[in-house]
């Protein structure tokens, strides 16, 4: 799975590494969120978005899980919604639907 697959595009997109976690900031679009990507396995990738400067331990993240099932990419949201009320550091333990 490519890390940039399905990410929003704006006037300027910056991709960098913070430790081993790639992150993306899209500037010039209707919203400017930082996006963290975690390729947890060959089939599971977590995508978290929050305001720039938000700590991974803060309950201010919208998190989705991308699950590659053969030729199908399943997208599920933490708590079943896209609300900014999840903790990025807990992404693997959250419930997704």
Protein backbone atom coordinates (compact mmCIF):
# COMPACT_ATOMS: atom_id res chain seq x y z
CA UNK A 1 0.00 0.00 0.00
CA UNK A 2 1.41 3.40 -0.89
CA UNK A 3 1.54 5.87 1.99
CA UNK A 4 0.10 8.72 -0.09
CA UNK A 5 -2.87 6.68 -1.31
CA UNK A 6 -6.16 8.42 -0.52
CA UNK A 7 -4.67 11.44 1.22
CA UNK A 8 -6.11 14.89 0.60
CA UNK A 9 -4.29 17.15 -1.83
CA UNK A 10 -4.04 20.90 -1.28
CA UNK A 11 -1.97 23.73 -2.63
CA UNK A 12 1.07 22.43 -0.76
CA UNK A 13 1.61 19.02 0.79
CA UNK A 14 4.64 18.32 2.96
CA UNK A 15 5.62 14.75 3.80
CA UNK A 16 8.27 14.07 6.44
CA UNK A 17 9.21 11.55 9.10
CA UNK A 18 8.78 11.99 12.85
CA UNK A 19 10.75 9.08 14.20
CA UNK A 20 9.41 6.16 12.19
CA UNK A 21 5.94 7.64 11.59
CA UNK A 22 5.43 9.58 8.34
CA UNK A 23 3.27 12.68 8.63
CA UNK A 24 1.63 14.96 6.14
CA UNK A 25 0.57 18.59 6.43
CA UNK A 26 -1.72 19.94 3.73
CA UNK A 27 -1.67 23.72 3.46
CA UNK A 28 -3.94 25.84 1.31
CA UNK A 29 -6.94 23.55 1.45
CA UNK A 30 -10.11 24.30 3.41
CA UNK A 31 -8.47 22.75 6.47
CA UNK A 32 -4.89 22.44 7.61
CA UNK A 33 -4.52 19.26 9.62
CA UNK A 34 -1.42 17.27 10.36
CA UNK A 35 -1.83 13.64 9.27
CA UNK A 36 0.13 10.77 10.81
CA UNK A 37 0.48 7.45 8.99
CA UNK A 38 1.39 4.17 10.65
CA UNK A 39 1.92 1.13 8.40
CA UNK A 40 1.35 -1.35 11.21
CA UNK A 41 1.57 -4.38 8.91
CA UNK A 42 1.45 -5.32 5.24
CA UNK A 43 -2.36 -5.02 5.34
CA UNK A 44 -3.12 -2.48 8.10
CA UNK A 45 -2.38 1.26 7.97
CA UNK A 46 -3.62 3.80 10.51
CA UNK A 47 -4.28 7.40 9.44
CA UNK A 48 -4.70 10.05 12.11
CA UNK A 49 -5.54 13.73 11.58
CA UNK A 50 -5.44 16.58 14.08
CA UNK A 51 -4.56 20.24 14.36
CA UNK A 52 -0.82 20.91 13.98
CA UNK A 53 0.98 20.62 17.32
CA UNK A 54 -1.54 18.16 18.81
CA UNK A 55 0.17 15.60 21.05
CA UNK A 56 -0.32 11.92 20.21
CA UNK A 57 -1.56 11.46 23.79
CA UNK A 58 -4.33 14.05 23.36
CA UNK A 59 -7.95 12.97 22.73
CA UNK A 60 -8.13 15.28 19.69
CA UNK A 61 -7.52 12.93 16.75
CA UNK A 62 -9.72 11.60 13.95
CA UNK A 63 -8.36 8.11 13.22
CA UNK A 64 -9.16 5.64 10.50
CA UNK A 65 -7.83 2.17 9.79
CA UNK A 66 -7.12 1.05 6.23
CA UNK A 67 -7.36 -2.72 5.87
CA UNK A 68 -6.21 -4.25 2.58
CA UNK A 69 -8.36 -7.35 1.99
CA UNK A 70 -7.03 -8.76 -1.26
CA UNK A 71 -8.08 -6.27 -3.92
CA UNK A 72 -10.47 -4.44 -1.54
CA UNK A 73 -9.39 -1.53 0.66
CA UNK A 74 -11.64 -1.39 3.73
CA UNK A 75 -11.75 1.99 5.53
CA UNK A 76 -13.02 2.02 9.10
CA UNK A 77 -13.15 4.87 11.63
CA UNK A 78 -12.26 4.72 15.30
CA UNK A 79 -15.51 4.60 17.30
CA UNK A 80 -17.32 4.33 13.95
CA UNK A 81 -17.09 8.07 13.27
CA UNK A 82 -14.67 10.74 12.04
CA UNK A 83 -14.89 12.85 15.22
CA UNK A 84 -11.70 14.39 16.60
CA UNK A 85 -11.98 12.63 19.99
CA UNK A 86 -9.49 9.76 19.85
CA UNK A 87 -5.92 9.30 21.08
CA UNK A 88 -3.36 8.59 18.34
CA UNK A 89 -1.09 6.73 20.75
CA UNK A 90 -3.94 4.22 21.39
CA UNK A 91 -4.79 3.65 17.71
CA UNK A 92 -4.16 -0.11 17.66
CA UNK A 93 -6.41 -0.73 20.70
CA UNK A 94 -9.41 1.33 19.48
CA UNK A 95 -12.63 -0.18 18.08
CA UNK A 96 -13.18 0.43 14.35
CA UNK A 97 -16.29 0.20 12.21
